[in-house]
Amino acid sequence: MSIDPQAEHDAVKSLLELMEAADRCKQLYERAHMEAPEPLRRLLGLNRSQGEPKPALTVPDLEFKRPSEYQTGWISVAAASASPPSIVLAVLRKAGHSLRAKDVVERMRSLVPDINAGSVANAGTKLEGEKVILREADGWILVNSDVAPVMFEGRLWGPVAIFGKYELAAYRRDAVLHLLRLVPNGLQTSQLLEQLSNAPWMKDVTINKEVVQGDTEVLQEERRIRRRGASRKWELSPEKEE
């Protein structure tokens, strides 16, 4: 039986909200110096034996339309967040034939309007040195498609290994925004860390306290997220909600 993506989204969102409410309930019991009742302890996994892992929630993957070439484990990065070398490779892969340097620049600017020709030239030099492309009289041509992302609807797709650390950071930030859309009441940094660590679609991406804190700081500076009132939770900034 196929899974309805919207139904899956709604179910996981409801579960996350339930767990958030249960955590608030636990805090109220602790504030009242009362022991949490058995149903609450079971829901939060407080009865498990020492060393037994906490049950993980399955959070649905980011909601981007996938290209026909998609393979399990692939991630995607917005072209605006991708490095010039990655965009060069994606442009050449999509073309399927050699392109003049001028055409490479024009196609890249259709994705990232403010990219400059110097960055493209530097990317070409780097990729040629790595023997990933050839730059010949009739243009640039891709010689190793295994390291080239697939360009689809303004995003670059491929396995984690072909992207750099800044691109992976952009993917993590997309994931943070995704989680905050699922939980409108907000999540603390520790809760974001837990959910990202448990998400199967993040398993090959570096996730730790330091990088998640850094991601939230960047998103706050970009005014895409904000603190929820006086709490320690993060929520989407209303003007940036999509």
C-alpha atoms as a PDB file:
ATOM      1  CA  MET A   1       0.000   0.000   0.000  1.00  0.00           C
ATOM      2  CA  SER A   2       1.456   3.387  -0.987  1.00  0.00           C
ATOM      3  CA  ILE A   3       1.774   6.099   1.646  1.00  0.00           C
ATOM      4  CA  ASP A   4      -0.053   9.390   1.178  1.00  0.00           C
ATOM      5  CA  PRO A   5       2.710  12.054   1.716  1.00  0.00           C
ATOM      6  CA  GLN A   6       0.239  14.568   3.172  1.00  0.00           C
ATOM      7  CA  ALA A   7      -1.223  11.977   5.535  1.00  0.00           C
ATOM      8  CA  GLU A   8       2.308  11.030   6.640  1.00  0.00           C
ATOM      9  CA  HIS A   9       3.151  14.705   7.164  1.00  0.00           C
ATOM     10  CA  ASP A  10       0.004  15.269   9.265  1.00  0.00           C
ATOM     11  CA  ALA A  11       0.564  12.103  11.320  1.00  0.00           C
ATOM     12  CA  VAL A  12       4.176  12.949  12.192  1.00  0.00           C
ATOM     13  CA  LYS A  13       3.278  16.559  12.934  1.00  0.00           C
ATOM     14  CA  SER A  14       0.568  15.359  15.323  1.00  0.00           C
ATOM     15  CA  LEU A  15       3.021  12.993  17.045  1.00  0.00           C
ATOM     16  CA  LEU A  16       5.645  15.705  17.450  1.00  0.00           C
ATOM     17  CA  GLU A  17       3.051  18.010  18.979  1.00  0.00           C
ATOM     18  CA  LEU A  18       1.951  15.205  21.323  1.00  0.00           C
ATOM     19  CA  MET A  19       5.538  14.603  22.466  1.00  0.00           C
ATOM     20  CA  GLU A  20       6.027  18.325  22.970  1.00  0.00           C
ATOM     21  CA  ALA A  21       2.865  18.496  25.098  1.00  0.00           C
ATOM     22  CA  ALA A  22       4.032  15.459  27.084  1.00  0.00           C
ATOM     23  CA  ASP A  23       7.379  17.141  27.763  1.00  0.00           C
ATOM     24  CA  ARG A  24       5.590  20.269  29.045  1.00  0.00           C
ATOM     25  CA  CYS A  25       3.421  18.060  31.241  1.00  0.00           C
ATOM     26  CA  LYS A  26       6.529  16.378  32.694  1.00  0.00           C
ATOM     27  CA  GLN A  27       8.038  19.786  33.511  1.00  0.00           C
ATOM     28  CA  LEU A  28       4.855  20.789  35.360  1.00  0.00           C
ATOM     29  CA  TYR A  29       4.989  17.607  37.447  1.00  0.00           C
ATOM     30  CA  GLU A  30       8.640  18.275  38.257  1.00  0.00           C
ATOM     31  CA  ARG A  31       7.846  21.865  39.238  1.00  0.00           C
ATOM     32  CA  ALA A  32       5.166  20.566  41.574  1.00  0.00           C
ATOM     33  CA  HIS A  33       7.669  18.014  43.003  1.00  0.00           C
ATOM     34  CA  MET A  34       5.374  15.194  41.940  1.00  0.00           C
ATOM     35  CA  GLU A  35       6.277  11.931  40.269  1.00  0.00           C
ATOM     36  CA  ALA A  36       5.111  11.686  36.682  1.00  0.00           C
ATOM     37  CA  PRO A  37       2.136   9.326  36.292  1.00  0.00           C
ATOM     38  CA  GLU A  38       2.667   5.970  34.596  1.00  0.00           C
ATOM     39  CA  PRO A  39       0.959   6.841  31.249  1.00  0.00           C
ATOM     40  CA  LEU A  40       3.199   9.910  30.900  1.00  0.00           C
ATOM     41  CA  ARG A  41       6.314   7.907  31.790  1.00  0.00           C
ATOM     42  CA  ARG A  42       5.474   5.294  29.164  1.00  0.00           C
ATOM     43  CA  LEU A  43       4.825   7.949  26.521  1.00  0.00           C
ATOM     44  CA  LEU A  44       8.178   9.623  27.167  1.00  0.00           C
ATOM     45  CA  GLY A  45      10.057   6.345  27.436  1.00  0.00           C
ATOM     46  CA  LEU A  46      11.017   7.017  31.069  1.00  0.00           C
ATOM     47  CA  ASN A  47      10.486   3.388  32.089  1.00  0.00           C
ATOM     48  CA  ARG A  48      13.147   1.968  29.805  1.00  0.00           C
ATOM     49  CA  SER A  49      16.123   0.314  31.483  1.00  0.00           C
ATOM     50  CA  GLN A  50      19.455   2.106  31.757  1.00  0.00           C
ATOM     51  CA  GLY A  51      21.365   2.059  28.486  1.00  0.00           C
ATOM     52  CA  GLU A  52      18.288   1.212  26.431  1.00  0.00           C
ATOM     53  CA  PRO A  53      17.996   3.679  23.528  1.00  0.00           C
ATOM     54  CA  LYS A  54      15.128   6.129  23.467  1.00  0.00           C
ATOM     55  CA  PRO A  55      12.570   5.287  20.749  1.00  0.00           C
ATOM     56  CA  ALA A  56      13.153   7.462  17.687  1.00  0.00           C
ATOM     57  CA  LEU A  57      10.440   9.293  15.806  1.00  0.00           C
ATOM     58  CA  THR A  58      10.449   8.973  12.027  1.00  0.00           C
ATOM     59  CA  VAL A  59      10.306  12.491  10.620  1.00  0.00           C
ATOM     60  CA  PRO A  60       9.242  12.732   6.958  1.00  0.00           C
ATOM     61  CA  ASP A  61      11.866  13.867   4.454  1.00  0.00           C
ATOM     62  CA  LEU A  62      12.093  17.433   3.193  1.00  0.00           C
ATOM     63  CA  GLU A  63       9.260  18.191   0.820  1.00  0.00           C
ATOM     64  CA  PHE A  64      11.026  18.878  -2.474  1.00  0.00           C
ATOM     65  CA  LYS A  65       9.973  17.382  -5.781  1.00  0.00           C
ATOM     66  CA  ARG A  66      12.608  14.859  -6.829  1.00  0.00           C
ATOM     67  CA  PRO A  67      14.210  14.432 -10.268  1.00  0.00           C
ATOM     68  CA  SER A  68      13.700  11.211 -12.203  1.00  0.00           C
ATOM     69  CA  GLU A  69      17.374  10.334 -11.598  1.00  0.00           C
ATOM     70  CA  TYR A  70      16.873  10.410  -7.812  1.00  0.00           C
ATOM     71  CA  GLN A  71      18.501   7.599  -5.843  1.00  0.00           C
ATOM     72  CA  THR A  72      17.988   6.587  -2.221  1.00  0.00           C
ATOM     73  CA  GLY A  73      20.183   8.643   0.074  1.00  0.00           C
ATOM     74  CA  TRP A  74      20.448  11.668  -2.215  1.00  0.00           C
ATOM     75  CA  ILE A  75      20.074  15.137  -0.754  1.00  0.00           C
ATOM     76  CA  SER A  76      19.441  18.485  -2.431  1.00  0.00           C
ATOM     77  CA  VAL A  77      20.809  22.005  -2.063  1.00  0.00           C
ATOM     78  CA  ALA A  78      19.335  25.199  -3.467  1.00  0.00           C
ATOM     79  CA  ALA A  79      21.435  26.484  -6.356  1.00  0.00           C
ATOM     80  CA  ALA A  80      21.820  29.807  -4.536  1.00  0.00           C
ATOM     81  CA  SER A  81      23.536  27.930  -1.669  1.00  0.00           C
ATOM     82  CA  ALA A  82      25.753  25.777  -3.890  1.00  0.00           C
ATOM     83  CA  SER A  83      29.425  26.421  -4.690  1.00  0.00           C
ATOM     84  CA  PRO A  84      30.450  27.544  -8.208  1.00  0.00           C
ATOM     85  CA  PRO A  85      32.205  24.195  -8.917  1.00  0.00           C
ATOM     86  CA  SER A  86      29.035  22.267  -8.054  1.00  0.00           C
ATOM     87  CA  ILE A  87      26.922  24.503 -10.268  1.00  0.00           C
ATOM     88  CA  VAL A  88      29.405  24.173 -13.163  1.00  0.00           C
ATOM     89  CA  LEU A  89      29.183  20.389 -12.901  1.00  0.00           C
ATOM     90  CA  ALA A  90      25.387  20.459 -12.726  1.00  0.00           C
ATOM     91  CA  VAL A  91      25.179  22.735 -15.794  1.00  0.00           C
ATOM     92  CA  LEU A  92      27.498  20.495 -17.811  1.00  0.00           C
ATOM     93  CA  ARG A  93      25.671  17.347 -16.733  1.00  0.00           C
ATOM     94  CA  LYS A  94      22.336  18.793 -17.757  1.00  0.00           C
ATOM     95  CA  ALA A  95      23.721  19.963 -21.116  1.00  0.00           C
ATOM     96  CA  GLY A  96      25.135  16.538 -21.958  1.00  0.00           C
ATOM     97  CA  HIS A  97      27.670  18.052 -24.333  1.00  0.00           C
ATOM     98  CA  SER A  98      30.478  20.614 -24.339  1.00  0.00           C
ATOM     99  CA  LEU A  99      29.607  24.245 -23.626  1.00  0.00           C
ATOM    100  CA  ARG A 100      31.559  27.392 -24.323  1.00  0.00           C
ATOM    101  CA  ALA A 101      32.708  29.183 -21.162  1.00  0.00           C
ATOM    102  CA  LYS A 102      30.353  32.041 -22.053  1.00  0.00           C
ATOM    103  CA  ASP A 103      27.401  29.638 -22.184  1.00  0.00           C
ATOM    104  CA  VAL A 104      28.381  28.074 -18.866  1.00  0.00           C
ATOM    105  CA  VAL A 105      28.345  31.528 -17.253  1.00  0.00           C
ATOM    106  CA  GLU A 106      24.971  32.395 -18.781  1.00  0.00           C
ATOM    107  CA  ARG A 107      23.360  29.157 -17.622  1.00  0.00           C
ATOM    108  CA  MET A 108      24.799  29.580 -14.153  1.00  0.00           C
ATOM    109  CA  ARG A 109      23.438  33.121 -13.980  1.00  0.00           C
ATOM    110  CA  SER A 110      19.985  31.802 -14.806  1.00  0.00           C
ATOM    111  CA  LEU A 111      20.254  29.938 -11.472  1.00  0.00           C
ATOM    112  CA  VAL A 112      22.311  32.442  -9.452  1.00  0.00           C
ATOM    113  CA  PRO A 113      22.009  35.894 -11.088  1.00  0.00           C
ATOM    114  CA  ASP A 114      24.798  37.570  -9.088  1.00  0.00           C
ATOM    115  CA  ILE A 115      27.499  34.980  -9.803  1.00  0.00           C
ATOM    116  CA  ASN A 116      30.542  36.544 -11.494  1.00  0.00           C
ATOM    117  CA  ALA A 117      32.599  35.276 -14.408  1.00  0.00           C
ATOM    118  CA  GLY A 118      35.750  35.203 -12.288  1.00  0.00           C
ATOM    119  CA  SER A 119      34.217  32.666  -9.903  1.00  0.00           C
ATOM    120  CA  VAL A 120      33.217  30.494 -12.856  1.00  0.00           C
ATOM    121  CA  ALA A 121      36.724  30.668 -14.343  1.00  0.00           C
ATOM    122  CA  ASN A 122      38.259  29.715 -10.988  1.00  0.00           C
ATOM    123  CA  ALA A 123      35.818  26.814 -10.684  1.00  0.00           C
ATOM    124  CA  GLY A 124      36.798  25.631 -14.170  1.00  0.00           C
ATOM    125  CA  THR A 125      40.495  25.706 -13.268  1.00  0.00           C
ATOM    126  CA  LYS A 126      39.850  23.736 -10.082  1.00  0.00           C
ATOM    127  CA  LEU A 127      37.726  21.101 -11.798  1.00  0.00           C
ATOM    128  CA  GLU A 128      40.137  20.699 -14.673  1.00  0.00           C
ATOM    129  CA  GLY A 129      42.967  20.184 -12.181  1.00  0.00           C
ATOM    130  CA  GLU A 130      40.897  17.467 -10.518  1.00  0.00           C
ATOM    131  CA  LYS A 131      40.359  15.895 -13.967  1.00  0.00           C
ATOM    132  CA  VAL A 132      36.602  16.181 -13.604  1.00  0.00           C
ATOM    133  CA  ILE A 133      36.162  18.352 -16.700  1.00  0.00           C
ATOM    134  CA  LEU A 134      38.157  19.183 -19.826  1.00  0.00           C
ATOM    135  CA  ARG A 135      38.468  22.722 -21.150  1.00  0.00           C
ATOM    136  CA  GLU A 136      39.166  22.552 -24.855  1.00  0.00           C
ATOM    137  CA  ALA A 137      38.922  24.905 -27.811  1.00  0.00           C
ATOM    138  CA  ASP A 138      35.295  23.981 -28.478  1.00  0.00           C
ATOM    139  CA  GLY A 139      34.247  24.333 -24.843  1.00  0.00           C
ATOM    140  CA  TRP A 140      34.043  22.681 -21.444  1.00  0.00           C
ATOM    141  CA  ILE A 141      32.947  19.059 -21.163  1.00  0.00           C
ATOM    142  CA  LEU A 142      32.168  16.839 -18.193  1.00  0.00           C
ATOM    143  CA  VAL A 143      34.301  13.698 -17.993  1.00  0.00           C
ATOM    144  CA  ASN A 144      33.155  12.292 -14.627  1.00  0.00           C
ATOM    145  CA  SER A 145      29.392  12.424 -14.127  1.00  0.00           C
ATOM    146  CA  ASP A 146      29.666  10.501 -10.831  1.00  0.00           C
ATOM    147  CA  VAL A 147      30.661  13.686  -9.019  1.00  0.00           C
ATOM    148  CA  ALA A 148      28.222  15.978 -10.845  1.00  0.00           C
ATOM    149  CA  PRO A 149      24.923  16.946  -9.177  1.00  0.00           C
ATOM    150  CA  VAL A 150      21.626  16.698 -11.038  1.00  0.00           C
ATOM    151  CA  MET A 151      19.991  20.075 -11.578  1.00  0.00           C
ATOM    152  CA  PHE A 152      16.226  20.065 -11.088  1.00  0.00           C
ATOM    153  CA  GLU A 153      13.839  22.949 -10.406  1.00  0.00           C
ATOM    154  CA  GLY A 154      16.455  25.268  -8.958  1.00  0.00           C
ATOM    155  CA  ARG A 155      18.095  22.651  -6.749  1.00  0.00           C
ATOM    156  CA  LEU A 156      21.165  20.439  -7.075  1.00  0.00           C
ATOM    157  CA  TRP A 157      20.688  16.754  -6.212  1.00  0.00           C
ATOM    158  CA  GLY A 158      23.191  14.008  -5.481  1.00  0.00           C
ATOM    159  CA  PRO A 159      24.832  11.848  -2.796  1.00  0.00           C
ATOM    160  CA  VAL A 160      26.169  13.553   0.318  1.00  0.00           C
ATOM    161  CA  ALA A 161      29.784  12.834  -0.686  1.00  0.00           C
ATOM    162  CA  ILE A 162      29.746  15.194  -3.686  1.00  0.00           C
ATOM    163  CA  PHE A 163      28.800  18.285  -1.658  1.00  0.00           C
ATOM    164  CA  GLY A 164      31.086  20.524   0.421  1.00  0.00           C
ATOM    165  CA  LYS A 165      30.657  21.491   4.068  1.00  0.00           C
ATOM    166  CA  TYR A 166      28.955  24.805   3.283  1.00  0.00           C
ATOM    167  CA  GLU A 167      26.459  23.066   1.024  1.00  0.00           C
ATOM    168  CA  LEU A 168      25.769  20.464   3.712  1.00  0.00           C
ATOM    169  CA  ALA A 169      25.219  23.297   6.194  1.00  0.00           C
ATOM    170  CA  ALA A 170      22.617  24.752   3.824  1.00  0.00           C
ATOM    171  CA  TYR A 171      20.909  21.343   3.695  1.00  0.00           C
ATOM    172  CA  ARG A 172      20.871  21.161   7.510  1.00  0.00           C
ATOM    173  CA  ARG A 173      19.303  24.605   7.667  1.00  0.00           C
ATOM    174  CA  ASP A 174      16.613  23.494   5.246  1.00  0.00           C
ATOM    175  CA  ALA A 175      16.023  20.577   7.626  1.00  0.00           C
ATOM    176  CA  VAL A 176      15.752  22.922  10.635  1.00  0.00           C
ATOM    177  CA  LEU A 177      13.142  25.016   8.810  1.00  0.00           C
ATOM    178  CA  HIS A 178      11.320  21.816   7.817  1.00  0.00           C
ATOM    179  CA  LEU A 179      11.105  20.684  11.453  1.00  0.00           C
ATOM    180  CA  LEU A 180       9.865  24.078  12.607  1.00  0.00           C
ATOM    181  CA  ARG A 181       7.121  23.967   9.970  1.00  0.00           C
ATOM    182  CA  LEU A 182       6.052  20.616  11.414  1.00  0.00           C
ATOM    183  CA  VAL A 183       6.026  21.994  14.976  1.00  0.00           C
ATOM    184  CA  PRO A 184       4.587  25.535  14.908  1.00  0.00           C
ATOM    185  CA  ASN A 185       4.891  25.767  18.703  1.00  0.00           C
ATOM    186  CA  GLY A 186       8.662  25.712  18.324  1.00  0.00           C
ATOM    187  CA  LEU A 187      11.572  23.477  19.309  1.00  0.00           C
ATOM    188  CA  GLN A 188      14.585  24.005  21.529  1.00  0.00           C
ATOM    189  CA  THR A 189      18.078  23.531  20.104  1.00  0.00           C
ATOM    190  CA  SER A 190      18.377  20.220  21.966  1.00  0.00           C
ATOM    191  CA  GLN A 191      15.101  19.039  20.435  1.00  0.00           C
ATOM    192  CA  LEU A 192      16.230  20.060  16.951  1.00  0.00           C
ATOM    193  CA  LEU A 193      19.456  18.136  17.538  1.00  0.00           C
ATOM    194  CA  GLU A 194      17.523  15.041  18.621  1.00  0.00           C
ATOM    195  CA  GLN A 195      15.144  15.113  15.666  1.00  0.00           C
ATOM    196  CA  LEU A 196      17.898  15.739  13.120  1.00  0.00           C
ATOM    197  CA  SER A 197      19.981  12.927  14.616  1.00  0.00           C
ATOM    198  CA  ASN A 198      17.027  10.530  14.354  1.00  0.00           C
ATOM    199  CA  ALA A 199      15.971  11.481  10.814  1.00  0.00           C
ATOM    200  CA  PRO A 200      17.039   8.714   8.387  1.00  0.00           C
ATOM    201  CA  TRP A 201      17.473  11.270   5.586  1.00  0.00           C
ATOM    202  CA  MET A 202      20.168  13.030   7.652  1.00  0.00           C
ATOM    203  CA  LYS A 203      22.194   9.929   8.525  1.00  0.00           C
ATOM    204  CA  ASP A 204      25.225  10.810   6.360  1.00  0.00           C
ATOM    205  CA  VAL A 205      25.296  14.489   7.322  1.00  0.00           C
ATOM    206  CA  THR A 206      27.354  15.763  10.276  1.00  0.00           C
ATOM    207  CA  ILE A 207      24.990  16.450  13.166  1.00  0.00           C
ATOM    208  CA  ASN A 208      26.190  17.622  16.571  1.00  0.00           C
ATOM    209  CA  LYS A 209      25.403  20.316  19.110  1.00  0.00           C
ATOM    210  CA  GLU A 210      27.935  22.802  17.726  1.00  0.00           C
ATOM    211  CA  VAL A 211      26.792  22.680  14.086  1.00  0.00           C
ATOM    212  CA  VAL A 212      23.088  22.860  15.003  1.00  0.00           C
ATOM    213  CA  GLN A 213      23.751  25.868  17.244  1.00  0.00           C
ATOM    214  CA  GLY A 214      25.655  27.476  14.389  1.00  0.00           C
ATOM    215  CA  ASP A 215      22.810  26.770  11.959  1.00  0.00           C
ATOM    216  CA  THR A 216      20.214  28.361  14.244  1.00  0.00           C
ATOM    217  CA  GLU A 217      22.416  31.435  14.689  1.00  0.00           C
ATOM    218  CA  VAL A 218      22.732  31.857  10.910  1.00  0.00           C
ATOM    219  CA  LEU A 219      18.992  31.390  10.390  1.00  0.00           C
ATOM    220  CA  GLN A 220      18.302  33.928  13.143  1.00  0.00           C
ATOM    221  CA  GLU A 221      20.664  36.446  11.507  1.00  0.00           C
ATOM    222  CA  GLU A 222      18.819  35.886   8.220  1.00  0.00           C
ATOM    223  CA  ARG A 223      15.555  36.501  10.104  1.00  0.00           C
ATOM    224  CA  ARG A 224      14.193  33.150   9.028  1.00  0.00           C
ATOM    225  CA  ILE A 225      13.711  31.942  12.610  1.00  0.00           C
ATOM    226  CA  ARG A 226      13.344  33.663  15.966  1.00  0.00           C
ATOM    227  CA  ARG A 227      13.020  32.874  19.653  1.00  0.00           C
ATOM    228  CA  ARG A 228       9.458  32.128  20.732  1.00  0.00           C
ATOM    229  CA  GLY A 229       8.604  34.762  23.319  1.00  0.00           C
ATOM    230  CA  ALA A 230      10.747  34.417  26.437  1.00  0.00           C
ATOM    231  CA  SER A 231      11.213  30.690  25.880  1.00  0.00           C
ATOM    232  CA  ARG A 232      14.346  28.926  24.640  1.00  0.00           C
ATOM    233  CA  LYS A 233      12.442  27.596  21.646  1.00  0.00           C
ATOM    234  CA  TRP A 234      12.970  28.478  18.021  1.00  0.00           C
ATOM    235  CA  GLU A 235      10.093  29.135  15.650  1.00  0.00           C
ATOM    236  CA  LEU A 236       9.723  30.336  12.069  1.00  0.00           C
ATOM    237  CA  SER A 237       9.745  34.089  11.609  1.00  0.00           C
ATOM    238  CA  PRO A 238       6.255  34.988  10.303  1.00  0.00           C
ATOM    239  CA  GLU A 239       7.576  37.136   7.436  1.00  0.00           C
ATOM    240  CA  LYS A 240       9.760  34.229   6.242  1.00  0.00           C
ATOM    241  CA  GLU A 241       7.209  31.406   6.408  1.00  0.00           C
ATOM    242  CA  GLU A 242       6.767  29.655   3.066  1.00  0.00           C
END
